[in-house]
């Protein structure tokens, strides 16, 4: 029951983590092979 309660209280963080993970995995690459989503300028905008 404690695990479910902890998951319930932190579901917003899990959702944010999932969105960031999907963004990092599906983001296109630059011509130099770097992930656009993980670039410094983009992360400060997110």
C-alpha atoms as a PDB file:
ATOM      1  CA  UNK A   1       0.000   0.000   0.000  1.00  0.00           C
ATOM      2  CA  UNK A   2       2.891   2.369   0.719  1.00  0.00           C
ATOM      3  CA  UNK A   3       4.315   1.900  -2.782  1.00  0.00           C
ATOM      4  CA  UNK A   4       0.959   2.780  -4.360  1.00  0.00           C
ATOM      5  CA  UNK A   5       0.639   5.831  -2.140  1.00  0.00           C
ATOM      6  CA  UNK A   6       4.148   6.996  -3.043  1.00  0.00           C
ATOM      7  CA  UNK A   7       3.427   6.483  -6.745  1.00  0.00           C
ATOM      8  CA  UNK A   8       0.165   8.372  -6.382  1.00  0.00           C
ATOM      9  CA  UNK A   9       1.862  11.349  -4.739  1.00  0.00           C
ATOM     10  CA  UNK A  10       4.648  11.554  -7.325  1.00  0.00           C
ATOM     11  CA  UNK A  11       2.657  10.914 -10.517  1.00  0.00           C
ATOM     12  CA  UNK A  12       3.240  14.451 -11.807  1.00  0.00           C
ATOM     13  CA  UNK A  13       7.006  13.886 -11.650  1.00  0.00           C
ATOM     14  CA  UNK A  14       6.666  10.506 -13.363  1.00  0.00           C
ATOM     15  CA  UNK A  15       4.648  12.176 -16.124  1.00  0.00           C
ATOM     16  CA  UNK A  16       7.278  14.870 -16.593  1.00  0.00           C
ATOM     17  CA  UNK A  17      10.016  12.237 -16.705  1.00  0.00           C
ATOM     18  CA  UNK A  18       8.064  10.257 -19.296  1.00  0.00           C
ATOM     19  CA  UNK A  19       7.548  13.335 -21.493  1.00  0.00           C
ATOM     20  CA  UNK A  20      11.261  14.187 -21.332  1.00  0.00           C
ATOM     21  CA  UNK A  21      12.211  10.592 -22.144  1.00  0.00           C
ATOM     22  CA  UNK A  22       9.881  10.472 -25.145  1.00  0.00           C
ATOM     23  CA  UNK A  23      11.226  13.832 -26.330  1.00  0.00           C
ATOM     24  CA  UNK A  24      14.815  12.674 -26.039  1.00  0.00           C
ATOM     25  CA  UNK A  25      14.160   9.389 -27.836  1.00  0.00           C
ATOM     26  CA  UNK A  26      12.118  10.821 -30.705  1.00  0.00           C
ATOM     27  CA  UNK A  27      13.985  14.087 -31.259  1.00  0.00           C
ATOM     28  CA  UNK A  28      15.802  14.535 -34.575  1.00  0.00           C
ATOM     29  CA  UNK A  29      19.572  14.814 -34.755  1.00  0.00           C
ATOM     30  CA  UNK A  30      21.592  17.785 -35.998  1.00  0.00           C
ATOM     31  CA  UNK A  31      24.052  17.474 -38.861  1.00  0.00           C
ATOM     32  CA  UNK A  32      26.778  16.813 -36.280  1.00  0.00           C
ATOM     33  CA  UNK A  33      24.812  13.953 -34.730  1.00  0.00           C
ATOM     34  CA  UNK A  34      23.691  15.723 -31.559  1.00  0.00           C
ATOM     35  CA  UNK A  35      20.171  15.300 -30.209  1.00  0.00           C
ATOM     36  CA  UNK A  36      18.220  18.549 -30.657  1.00  0.00           C
ATOM     37  CA  UNK A  37      15.969  17.960 -27.637  1.00  0.00           C
ATOM     38  CA  UNK A  38      18.959  17.542 -25.313  1.00  0.00           C
ATOM     39  CA  UNK A  39      20.763  20.663 -26.518  1.00  0.00           C
ATOM     40  CA  UNK A  40      21.422  23.330 -23.885  1.00  0.00           C
ATOM     41  CA  UNK A  41      19.284  26.011 -25.521  1.00  0.00           C
ATOM     42  CA  UNK A  42      16.282  23.744 -25.881  1.00  0.00           C
ATOM     43  CA  UNK A  43      16.396  22.409 -22.312  1.00  0.00           C
ATOM     44  CA  UNK A  44      16.334  25.932 -20.892  1.00  0.00           C
ATOM     45  CA  UNK A  45      13.189  26.590 -22.956  1.00  0.00           C
ATOM     46  CA  UNK A  46      11.499  23.450 -21.656  1.00  0.00           C
END
